[in-house]
Amino acid sequence: VDAVRRLLERSSAGAFARLTANGGFWGNQLARLDLPDVFGSRGNVLQSILTSALFKERLQRSLNHVAEAGARRAAPIVGETVRNLGVENAGALIGGGPTAATGFLRSAMAGSLIDAMVPALGDGLRLASDPIVGQALAGLTGVDLTGVARSLSLKADDAIWGEIGREEAAIRANPESTNDALLIAALKVL
């Protein structure tokens, strides 16, 4: 159980360190968020704005920056869950596939990161200093900001769990890099 907790602590800490850094989502090809669907289906005004590749890229970059706030909100929730995690079959998780522990944790958290990120992302959208975001949001008539924030948090949730899983797989591939005797011993037995 301690080995599973340490594996998840290190995996999530490494993932959140990268994702919450300035440009953490945008600079990571595997975590970069696409524009939420709501931006591509809102009619003539927004559609005409979004025909510009430069505009799309700036909007996507801004939304990825806003996602960093969601990740900062999610990090302590994941940490707290890992510390209090009850693991019934720790041996199976240690001996499982490259992202077995991450999958277990995601399942145990059952979407709670999404709910936690929506307010932070909504605030981030409202306070975004980039006029591109303001222009795009103004074109979303009939769509509430919470809906946009929820759509963005669904994408951020997938990116966060993907990044934690990649970090877990890297630790499993080279447990010595952790300098953690318990993890090295547990993962080398395999």
C-alpha atoms as a PDB file:
ATOM      1  CA  VAL A   1       0.000   0.000   0.000  1.00  0.00           C
ATOM      2  CA  ASP A   2       2.836   2.397   0.830  1.00  0.00           C
ATOM      3  CA  ALA A   3       4.489   1.624  -2.503  1.00  0.00           C
ATOM      4  CA  VAL A   4       1.250   2.365  -4.398  1.00  0.00           C
ATOM      5  CA  ARG A   5       0.822   5.637  -2.508  1.00  0.00           C
ATOM      6  CA  ARG A   6       4.421   6.680  -3.191  1.00  0.00           C
ATOM      7  CA  LEU A   7       4.079   5.759  -6.856  1.00  0.00           C
ATOM      8  CA  LEU A   8       0.937   7.871  -7.132  1.00  0.00           C
ATOM      9  CA  GLU A   9       2.419  10.734  -5.104  1.00  0.00           C
ATOM     10  CA  ARG A  10       5.463  10.913  -7.362  1.00  0.00           C
ATOM     11  CA  SER A  11       3.433  10.440 -10.546  1.00  0.00           C
ATOM     12  CA  SER A  12       0.928  13.145  -9.700  1.00  0.00           C
ATOM     13  CA  ALA A  13       3.549  15.550  -8.329  1.00  0.00           C
ATOM     14  CA  GLY A  14       5.618  15.278 -11.505  1.00  0.00           C
ATOM     15  CA  ALA A  15       2.570  15.653 -13.734  1.00  0.00           C
ATOM     16  CA  PHE A  16       1.204  18.680 -11.876  1.00  0.00           C
ATOM     17  CA  ALA A  17       4.637  20.329 -11.748  1.00  0.00           C
ATOM     18  CA  ARG A  18       4.716  20.256 -15.541  1.00  0.00           C
ATOM     19  CA  LEU A  19       1.065  21.148 -16.129  1.00  0.00           C
ATOM     20  CA  THR A  20       0.896  24.053 -13.689  1.00  0.00           C
ATOM     21  CA  ALA A  21       4.088  25.675 -14.971  1.00  0.00           C
ATOM     22  CA  ASN A  22       3.663  28.641 -17.259  1.00  0.00           C
ATOM     23  CA  GLY A  23       2.725  27.135 -20.626  1.00  0.00           C
ATOM     24  CA  GLY A  24       2.291  23.710 -19.036  1.00  0.00           C
ATOM     25  CA  PHE A  25      -0.615  22.597 -21.188  1.00  0.00           C
ATOM     26  CA  TRP A  26       0.260  24.537 -24.333  1.00  0.00           C
ATOM     27  CA  GLY A  27       3.908  23.453 -24.341  1.00  0.00           C
ATOM     28  CA  ASN A  28       3.074  19.763 -23.969  1.00  0.00           C
ATOM     29  CA  GLN A  29       1.875  18.192 -27.228  1.00  0.00           C
ATOM     30  CA  LEU A  30       0.260  15.306 -25.336  1.00  0.00           C
ATOM     31  CA  ALA A  31      -1.564  17.527 -22.821  1.00  0.00           C
ATOM     32  CA  ARG A  32      -2.426  20.481 -25.090  1.00  0.00           C
ATOM     33  CA  LEU A  33      -6.159  21.101 -25.109  1.00  0.00           C
ATOM     34  CA  ASP A  34      -8.151  21.560 -28.284  1.00  0.00           C
ATOM     35  CA  LEU A  35     -10.840  24.208 -28.413  1.00  0.00           C
ATOM     36  CA  PRO A  36     -14.057  23.070 -26.736  1.00  0.00           C
ATOM     37  CA  ASP A  37     -16.716  22.045 -29.271  1.00  0.00           C
ATOM     38  CA  VAL A  38     -18.904  24.977 -28.281  1.00  0.00           C
ATOM     39  CA  PHE A  39     -16.484  27.327 -30.091  1.00  0.00           C
ATOM     40  CA  GLY A  40     -16.981  25.558 -33.399  1.00  0.00           C
ATOM     41  CA  SER A  41     -20.769  25.406 -33.516  1.00  0.00           C
ATOM     42  CA  ARG A  42     -22.151  28.809 -32.600  1.00  0.00           C
ATOM     43  CA  GLY A  43     -23.198  30.404 -35.844  1.00  0.00           C
ATOM     44  CA  ASN A  44     -22.008  33.094 -38.198  1.00  0.00           C
ATOM     45  CA  VAL A  45     -20.303  35.635 -35.922  1.00  0.00           C
ATOM     46  CA  LEU A  46     -18.108  33.180 -34.084  1.00  0.00           C
ATOM     47  CA  GLN A  47     -17.638  31.009 -37.140  1.00  0.00           C
ATOM     48  CA  SER A  48     -16.275  33.978 -39.074  1.00  0.00           C
ATOM     49  CA  ILE A  49     -13.953  34.897 -36.195  1.00  0.00           C
ATOM     50  CA  LEU A  50     -12.684  31.329 -36.002  1.00  0.00           C
ATOM     51  CA  THR A  51     -11.802  31.114 -39.687  1.00  0.00           C
ATOM     52  CA  SER A  52      -8.517  32.836 -38.913  1.00  0.00           C
ATOM     53  CA  ALA A  53      -5.810  30.309 -38.031  1.00  0.00           C
ATOM     54  CA  LEU A  54      -4.014  32.980 -35.994  1.00  0.00           C
ATOM     55  CA  PHE A  55      -7.151  33.690 -33.969  1.00  0.00           C
ATOM     56  CA  LYS A  56      -7.750  29.980 -33.344  1.00  0.00           C
ATOM     57  CA  GLU A  57      -4.189  29.488 -32.150  1.00  0.00           C
ATOM     58  CA  ARG A  58      -4.310  32.505 -29.822  1.00  0.00           C
ATOM     59  CA  LEU A  59      -7.655  31.390 -28.398  1.00  0.00           C
ATOM     60  CA  GLN A  60      -6.407  27.839 -27.925  1.00  0.00           C
ATOM     61  CA  ARG A  61      -3.215  29.104 -26.268  1.00  0.00           C
ATOM     62  CA  SER A  62      -5.258  31.319 -23.911  1.00  0.00           C
ATOM     63  CA  LEU A  63      -7.598  28.485 -22.976  1.00  0.00           C
ATOM     64  CA  ASN A  64      -4.624  26.225 -22.285  1.00  0.00           C
ATOM     65  CA  HIS A  65      -3.269  28.930 -19.991  1.00  0.00           C
ATOM     66  CA  VAL A  66      -6.633  29.055 -18.186  1.00  0.00           C
ATOM     67  CA  ALA A  67      -6.443  25.243 -17.795  1.00  0.00           C
ATOM     68  CA  GLU A  68      -3.308  25.714 -15.685  1.00  0.00           C
ATOM     69  CA  ALA A  69      -5.527  27.321 -13.022  1.00  0.00           C
ATOM     70  CA  GLY A  70      -7.739  24.251 -13.083  1.00  0.00           C
ATOM     71  CA  ALA A  71      -4.719  21.999 -12.639  1.00  0.00           C
ATOM     72  CA  ARG A  72      -3.535  24.110  -9.695  1.00  0.00           C
ATOM     73  CA  ARG A  73      -6.964  23.595  -8.138  1.00  0.00           C
ATOM     74  CA  ALA A  74      -6.881  19.849  -8.845  1.00  0.00           C
ATOM     75  CA  ALA A  75      -3.356  19.117  -7.542  1.00  0.00           C
ATOM     76  CA  PRO A  76      -4.077  19.286  -3.789  1.00  0.00           C
ATOM     77  CA  ILE A  77      -7.272  17.261  -4.243  1.00  0.00           C
ATOM     78  CA  VAL A  78      -5.326  14.457  -5.914  1.00  0.00           C
ATOM     79  CA  GLY A  79      -2.634  14.670  -3.222  1.00  0.00           C
ATOM     80  CA  GLU A  80      -5.183  14.439  -0.415  1.00  0.00           C
ATOM     81  CA  THR A  81      -6.928  11.500  -2.083  1.00  0.00           C
ATOM     82  CA  VAL A  82      -3.631   9.637  -2.494  1.00  0.00           C
ATOM     83  CA  ARG A  83      -2.737  10.181   1.178  1.00  0.00           C
ATOM     84  CA  ASN A  84      -6.098   8.761   2.292  1.00  0.00           C
ATOM     85  CA  LEU A  85      -6.385   6.106  -0.382  1.00  0.00           C
ATOM     86  CA  GLY A  86      -7.489   2.668   0.692  1.00  0.00           C
ATOM     87  CA  VAL A  87      -5.951   0.047  -1.549  1.00  0.00           C
ATOM     88  CA  GLU A  88      -7.474  -3.407  -1.308  1.00  0.00           C
ATOM     89  CA  ASN A  89      -5.237  -5.133  -3.802  1.00  0.00           C
ATOM     90  CA  ALA A  90      -1.975  -3.209  -3.771  1.00  0.00           C
ATOM     91  CA  GLY A  91      -0.017  -6.139  -5.187  1.00  0.00           C
ATOM     92  CA  ALA A  92      -2.173  -6.202  -8.309  1.00  0.00           C
ATOM     93  CA  LEU A  93      -1.660  -2.460  -8.793  1.00  0.00           C
ATOM     94  CA  ILE A  94       2.105  -2.706  -8.378  1.00  0.00           C
ATOM     95  CA  GLY A  95       2.210  -5.704 -10.712  1.00  0.00           C
ATOM     96  CA  GLY A  96      -0.285  -4.208 -13.144  1.00  0.00           C
ATOM     97  CA  GLY A  97       0.297  -2.423 -16.400  1.00  0.00           C
ATOM     98  CA  PRO A  98       2.223   0.810 -16.863  1.00  0.00           C
ATOM     99  CA  THR A  99      -0.688   2.985 -15.680  1.00  0.00           C
ATOM    100  CA  ALA A 100      -2.549   0.586 -13.372  1.00  0.00           C
ATOM    101  CA  ALA A 101      -2.265   2.787 -10.279  1.00  0.00           C
ATOM    102  CA  THR A 102      -3.318   5.913 -12.191  1.00  0.00           C
ATOM    103  CA  GLY A 103      -6.388   4.114 -13.547  1.00  0.00           C
ATOM    104  CA  PHE A 104      -7.276   2.963 -10.042  1.00  0.00           C
ATOM    105  CA  LEU A 105      -6.922   6.491  -8.641  1.00  0.00           C
ATOM    106  CA  ARG A 106      -8.953   8.050 -11.451  1.00  0.00           C
ATOM    107  CA  SER A 107     -11.713   5.533 -10.867  1.00  0.00           C
ATOM    108  CA  ALA A 108     -11.622   6.157  -7.104  1.00  0.00           C
ATOM    109  CA  MET A 109     -11.955   9.916  -7.664  1.00  0.00           C
ATOM    110  CA  ALA A 110     -14.939   9.423 -10.009  1.00  0.00           C
ATOM    111  CA  GLY A 111     -14.909  12.786 -11.788  1.00  0.00           C
ATOM    112  CA  SER A 112     -14.294  14.897  -8.701  1.00  0.00           C
ATOM    113  CA  LEU A 113     -11.505  16.812 -10.466  1.00  0.00           C
ATOM    114  CA  ILE A 114     -13.956  18.059 -13.069  1.00  0.00           C
ATOM    115  CA  ASP A 115     -16.276  19.425 -10.395  1.00  0.00           C
ATOM    116  CA  ALA A 116     -13.352  21.057  -8.605  1.00  0.00           C
ATOM    117  CA  MET A 117     -11.945  22.666 -11.757  1.00  0.00           C
ATOM    118  CA  VAL A 118     -15.163  24.204 -13.131  1.00  0.00           C
ATOM    119  CA  PRO A 119     -15.166  27.209 -10.736  1.00  0.00           C
ATOM    120  CA  ALA A 120     -11.447  27.884 -11.274  1.00  0.00           C
ATOM    121  CA  LEU A 121     -11.796  27.656 -15.039  1.00  0.00           C
ATOM    122  CA  GLY A 122     -14.939  29.814 -15.007  1.00  0.00           C
ATOM    123  CA  ASP A 123     -13.061  32.466 -13.037  1.00  0.00           C
ATOM    124  CA  GLY A 124     -10.117  32.123 -15.397  1.00  0.00           C
ATOM    125  CA  LEU A 125     -12.347  32.660 -18.422  1.00  0.00           C
ATOM    126  CA  ARG A 126     -14.022  35.699 -16.857  1.00  0.00           C
ATOM    127  CA  LEU A 127     -10.701  37.236 -15.861  1.00  0.00           C
ATOM    128  CA  ALA A 128      -8.702  36.290 -18.958  1.00  0.00           C
ATOM    129  CA  SER A 129      -6.668  39.303 -19.972  1.00  0.00           C
ATOM    130  CA  ASP A 130      -6.388  38.235 -23.597  1.00  0.00           C
ATOM    131  CA  PRO A 131      -8.922  40.185 -25.698  1.00  0.00           C
ATOM    132  CA  ILE A 132      -9.155  37.154 -28.002  1.00  0.00           C
ATOM    133  CA  VAL A 133     -10.879  35.178 -25.236  1.00  0.00           C
ATOM    134  CA  GLY A 134     -13.250  38.072 -24.579  1.00  0.00           C
ATOM    135  CA  GLN A 135     -14.107  38.339 -28.270  1.00  0.00           C
ATOM    136  CA  ALA A 136     -14.727  34.593 -28.555  1.00  0.00           C
ATOM    137  CA  LEU A 137     -16.849  34.483 -25.394  1.00  0.00           C
ATOM    138  CA  ALA A 138     -18.878  37.469 -26.586  1.00  0.00           C
ATOM    139  CA  GLY A 139     -19.744  35.481 -29.709  1.00  0.00           C
ATOM    140  CA  LEU A 140     -21.144  32.623 -27.642  1.00  0.00           C
ATOM    141  CA  THR A 141     -24.648  33.991 -27.254  1.00  0.00           C
ATOM    142  CA  GLY A 142     -26.940  31.589 -25.470  1.00  0.00           C
ATOM    143  CA  VAL A 143     -24.107  29.629 -23.874  1.00  0.00           C
ATOM    144  CA  ASP A 144     -23.382  30.115 -20.206  1.00  0.00           C
ATOM    145  CA  LEU A 145     -19.804  30.514 -19.071  1.00  0.00           C
ATOM    146  CA  THR A 146     -20.188  27.578 -16.689  1.00  0.00           C
ATOM    147  CA  GLY A 147     -20.938  25.348 -19.678  1.00  0.00           C
ATOM    148  CA  VAL A 148     -17.758  26.507 -21.415  1.00  0.00           C
ATOM    149  CA  ALA A 149     -15.793  26.004 -18.171  1.00  0.00           C
ATOM    150  CA  ARG A 150     -17.255  22.503 -17.797  1.00  0.00           C
ATOM    151  CA  SER A 151     -16.325  21.599 -21.366  1.00  0.00           C
ATOM    152  CA  LEU A 152     -12.801  22.882 -20.778  1.00  0.00           C
ATOM    153  CA  SER A 153     -12.529  21.002 -17.474  1.00  0.00           C
ATOM    154  CA  LEU A 154     -13.512  17.736 -19.166  1.00  0.00           C
ATOM    155  CA  LYS A 155     -10.610  18.205 -21.569  1.00  0.00           C
ATOM    156  CA  ALA A 156      -8.259  19.267 -18.740  1.00  0.00           C
ATOM    157  CA  ASP A 157      -9.284  16.210 -16.703  1.00  0.00           C
ATOM    158  CA  ASP A 158      -8.299  13.881 -19.543  1.00  0.00           C
ATOM    159  CA  ALA A 159      -5.000  15.732 -19.987  1.00  0.00           C
ATOM    160  CA  ILE A 160      -4.202  15.550 -16.255  1.00  0.00           C
ATOM    161  CA  TRP A 161      -4.867  11.820 -16.012  1.00  0.00           C
ATOM    162  CA  GLY A 162      -2.905  11.205 -19.203  1.00  0.00           C
ATOM    163  CA  GLU A 163       0.067  13.096 -17.796  1.00  0.00           C
ATOM    164  CA  ILE A 164      -0.102  11.274 -14.439  1.00  0.00           C
ATOM    165  CA  GLY A 165      -0.243   7.969 -16.327  1.00  0.00           C
ATOM    166  CA  ARG A 166       2.784   8.868 -18.447  1.00  0.00           C
ATOM    167  CA  GLU A 167       4.683   9.802 -15.298  1.00  0.00           C
ATOM    168  CA  GLU A 168       3.721   6.496 -13.651  1.00  0.00           C
ATOM    169  CA  ALA A 169       4.870   4.563 -16.717  1.00  0.00           C
ATOM    170  CA  ALA A 170       8.205   6.406 -16.670  1.00  0.00           C
ATOM    171  CA  ILE A 171       8.704   5.595 -12.985  1.00  0.00           C
ATOM    172  CA  ARG A 172       7.868   1.946 -13.590  1.00  0.00           C
ATOM    173  CA  ALA A 173      10.341   1.840 -16.491  1.00  0.00           C
ATOM    174  CA  ASN A 174      13.124   3.321 -14.346  1.00  0.00           C
ATOM    175  CA  PRO A 175      12.324   3.094 -10.619  1.00  0.00           C
ATOM    176  CA  GLU A 176      15.932   3.951  -9.739  1.00  0.00           C
ATOM    177  CA  SER A 177      15.309   7.509 -10.933  1.00  0.00           C
ATOM    178  CA  THR A 178      13.125   8.040  -7.851  1.00  0.00           C
ATOM    179  CA  ASN A 179      15.882   7.261  -5.337  1.00  0.00           C
ATOM    180  CA  ASP A 180      13.070   5.746  -3.258  1.00  0.00           C
ATOM    181  CA  ALA A 181      14.188   2.404  -1.834  1.00  0.00           C
ATOM    182  CA  LEU A 182      10.627   1.166  -1.275  1.00  0.00           C
ATOM    183  CA  LEU A 183       9.551   1.955  -4.841  1.00  0.00           C
ATOM    184  CA  ILE A 184      12.718   0.488  -6.312  1.00  0.00           C
ATOM    185  CA  ALA A 185      12.265  -2.721  -4.351  1.00  0.00           C
ATOM    186  CA  ALA A 186       8.550  -3.022  -5.132  1.00  0.00           C
ATOM    187  CA  LEU A 187       8.909  -2.309  -8.835  1.00  0.00           C
ATOM    188  CA  LYS A 188      12.100  -4.329  -9.373  1.00  0.00           C
ATOM    189  CA  VAL A 189      10.413  -7.495  -8.051  1.00  0.00           C
ATOM    190  CA  LEU A 190       8.389  -7.469 -11.234  1.00  0.00           C
END
